[in-house]
Amino acid sequence: MRILILYRSWYGTTRAVAEAMAERLRSRGHEAAVRDAREPLPDLGTVDGVLVGSPTRMARAAMSATSALRKLRRRGIGGKPIAVFDTYGPLPSSPHEMEENRKWFEPGAAGLLLAKAKALGLNVFPETLRCVVAEYKGPIAEGELGKAAGFAERFTAAG
């Protein structure tokens, strides 16, 4: 399969997730192109599926990621599968703090992108990927890149 991975990243954590997914896909014989969502879309005629990701910032998804979903629809991505992912955190350490701050993390960019993709009538992969960052500017928390790689494998297996 030929997979396009679009991402928006401020501190490199969402890009790291995109690269981890691409690396796993390439190791399994797929073609994977990783591009910043702010760049123009490449030719989609050869693309078999798309992954779109954004960090969750202030309970929102990056405008360039939501815009990429609209562009994909306008460019006729058709019935090709699309999946969404995000990075978020760091998470508060206490359950009380987490409850007070949940509104900043949930549904997160992945949930917002999923809703947008569905509203646009895109062929959405039912699973989303959410990867936790250890600190505000990164790095990705331990084990999250492996989780991302597994997500990409499940996406291609379903497509």
Protein backbone atom coordinates (compact mmCIF):
# COMPACT_ATOMS: atom_id res chain seq x y z
CA MET A 1 0.00 0.00 0.00
CA ARG A 2 0.95 3.64 -0.50
CA ILE A 3 0.21 5.64 2.63
CA LEU A 4 0.35 9.41 3.04
CA ILE A 5 0.90 10.64 6.60
CA LEU A 6 0.00 14.29 7.16
CA TYR A 7 0.83 15.94 10.46
CA ARG A 8 1.14 19.30 12.16
CA SER A 9 3.72 19.60 14.91
CA TRP A 10 4.92 22.48 17.09
CA TYR A 11 7.72 20.83 19.06
CA GLY A 12 8.34 17.72 16.97
CA THR A 13 6.34 15.20 18.97
CA THR A 14 3.54 14.74 16.44
CA ARG A 15 6.14 14.54 13.67
CA ALA A 16 7.94 11.83 15.68
CA VAL A 17 4.70 9.82 15.83
CA ALA A 18 4.22 10.24 12.06
CA GLU A 19 7.80 9.13 11.40
CA ALA A 20 7.44 6.08 13.68
CA MET A 21 4.34 5.00 11.77
CA ALA A 22 6.07 5.50 8.42
CA GLU A 23 9.13 3.56 9.56
CA ARG A 24 7.00 0.59 10.62
CA LEU A 25 5.02 0.64 7.38
CA ARG A 26 8.19 0.76 5.28
CA SER A 27 9.63 -2.15 7.26
CA ARG A 28 6.51 -4.12 6.29
CA GLY A 29 6.91 -3.38 2.57
CA HIS A 30 4.54 -0.42 2.25
CA GLU A 31 5.37 2.98 0.80
CA ALA A 32 4.89 5.79 3.31
CA ALA A 33 5.29 9.51 2.67
CA VAL A 34 5.35 11.90 5.64
CA ARG A 35 4.38 15.53 5.03
CA ASP A 36 3.63 18.59 7.10
CA ALA A 37 -0.10 19.36 6.77
CA ARG A 38 0.76 22.98 5.92
CA GLU A 39 2.38 21.87 2.65
CA PRO A 40 0.37 21.42 -0.56
CA LEU A 41 -1.06 17.94 -0.97
CA PRO A 42 0.79 15.64 -3.36
CA ASP A 43 -0.89 13.71 -6.17
CA LEU A 44 -3.49 11.56 -4.42
CA GLY A 45 -4.07 9.26 -7.38
CA THR A 46 -1.41 6.85 -6.17
CA VAL A 47 -2.34 7.03 -2.47
CA ASP A 48 -4.17 4.06 -0.92
CA GLY A 49 -4.79 5.59 2.52
CA VAL A 50 -4.11 8.70 4.59
CA LEU A 51 -3.26 9.28 8.26
CA VAL A 52 -3.82 12.82 9.58
CA GLY A 53 -2.43 14.00 12.92
CA SER A 54 -2.27 17.03 15.15
CA PRO A 55 -1.23 17.91 18.67
CA THR A 56 -4.02 18.72 21.11
CA ARG A 57 -3.44 22.33 22.11
CA MET A 58 -5.91 24.23 24.27
CA ALA A 59 -8.52 21.50 23.61
CA ARG A 60 -8.23 22.02 19.84
CA ALA A 61 -6.77 20.45 16.73
CA ALA A 62 -4.42 22.38 14.47
CA MET A 63 -6.22 24.29 11.72
CA SER A 64 -3.85 22.86 9.11
CA ALA A 65 -4.91 19.32 10.05
CA THR A 66 -8.64 20.06 9.81
CA SER A 67 -7.99 21.96 6.59
CA ALA A 68 -6.13 18.92 5.24
CA LEU A 69 -9.28 16.82 5.74
CA ARG A 70 -11.32 19.33 3.72
CA LYS A 71 -8.66 19.36 1.00
CA LEU A 72 -8.64 15.57 0.87
CA ARG A 73 -12.40 15.58 0.32
CA ARG A 74 -12.19 18.27 -2.37
CA ARG A 75 -9.37 16.44 -4.10
CA GLY A 76 -11.54 13.34 -4.40
CA ILE A 77 -9.92 10.93 -1.97
CA GLY A 78 -13.15 8.96 -2.41
CA GLY A 79 -13.55 5.73 -0.52
CA LYS A 80 -9.90 5.45 0.42
CA PRO A 81 -9.44 4.97 4.18
CA ILE A 82 -8.42 7.84 6.44
CA ALA A 83 -7.30 7.58 10.07
CA VAL A 84 -6.57 10.30 12.61
CA PHE A 85 -4.09 10.63 15.48
CA ASP A 86 -2.92 13.15 18.02
CA THR A 87 -0.39 13.89 20.72
CA TYR A 88 -1.42 15.36 24.05
CA GLY A 89 -0.23 16.04 27.55
CA PRO A 90 1.63 16.00 29.78
CA LEU A 91 -1.09 14.55 31.94
CA PRO A 92 -1.62 15.74 35.50
CA SER A 93 -0.22 13.37 38.11
CA SER A 94 -3.18 13.24 40.48
CA PRO A 95 -6.69 11.97 39.68
CA HIS A 96 -8.15 15.19 41.10
CA GLU A 97 -6.00 17.37 38.82
CA MET A 98 -6.84 15.12 35.87
CA GLU A 99 -10.56 15.50 36.49
CA GLU A 100 -10.21 19.28 36.74
CA ASN A 101 -8.20 19.44 33.51
CA ARG A 102 -9.95 16.74 31.46
CA LYS A 103 -11.60 19.39 29.26
CA TRP A 104 -8.16 20.26 27.83
CA PHE A 105 -7.39 16.67 26.80
CA GLU A 106 -10.70 15.12 25.75
CA PRO A 107 -11.87 14.47 23.11
CA GLY A 108 -8.53 15.84 21.95
CA ALA A 109 -7.42 16.59 18.44
CA ALA A 110 -8.02 12.97 17.40
CA GLY A 111 -11.65 13.13 18.51
CA LEU A 112 -12.17 16.47 16.78
CA LEU A 113 -10.50 15.28 13.57
CA LEU A 114 -12.55 12.08 13.63
CA ALA A 115 -15.80 14.07 13.94
CA LYS A 116 -14.72 16.40 11.12
CA ALA A 117 -13.77 13.51 8.82
CA LYS A 118 -17.10 11.80 9.46
CA ALA A 119 -19.00 15.06 8.84
CA LEU A 120 -17.17 15.39 5.52
CA GLY A 121 -18.30 11.89 4.55
CA LEU A 122 -14.77 10.47 4.41
CA ASN A 123 -14.10 6.74 4.78
CA VAL A 124 -12.88 6.89 8.37
CA PHE A 125 -10.96 4.12 10.11
CA PRO A 126 -12.95 3.57 13.34
CA GLU A 127 -9.92 3.56 15.65
CA THR A 128 -8.02 6.72 16.61
CA LEU A 129 -4.50 6.99 18.02
CA ARG A 130 -3.66 9.21 20.98
CA CYS A 131 -0.03 9.47 22.10
CA VAL A 132 0.98 11.06 25.40
CA VAL A 133 3.91 13.44 25.66
CA ALA A 134 6.05 13.27 28.78
CA GLU A 135 6.61 17.05 29.06
CA TYR A 136 4.98 20.04 27.40
CA LYS A 137 7.55 20.25 24.59
CA GLY A 138 8.26 16.52 24.48
CA PRO A 139 9.52 13.93 24.29
CA ILE A 140 6.85 11.35 23.58
CA ALA A 141 6.21 9.20 26.65
CA GLU A 142 7.81 5.77 26.82
CA GLY A 143 6.05 3.14 24.72
CA GLU A 144 3.96 5.62 22.70
CA LEU A 145 5.97 5.33 19.47
CA GLY A 146 5.53 1.55 19.54
CA LYS A 147 1.81 2.09 20.03
CA ALA A 148 1.83 4.40 16.98
CA ALA A 149 3.63 1.81 14.87
CA GLY A 150 1.05 -0.83 15.80
CA PHE A 151 -1.77 1.56 14.92
CA ALA A 152 -0.32 2.10 11.45
CA GLU A 153 -0.08 -1.66 10.93
CA ARG A 154 -3.74 -2.15 11.92
CA PHE A 155 -4.75 0.66 9.57
CA THR A 156 -3.02 -0.92 6.57
CA ALA A 157 -4.29 -4.41 7.46
CA ALA A 158 -7.87 -3.10 7.44
CA GLY A 159 -7.46 -1.22 4.16
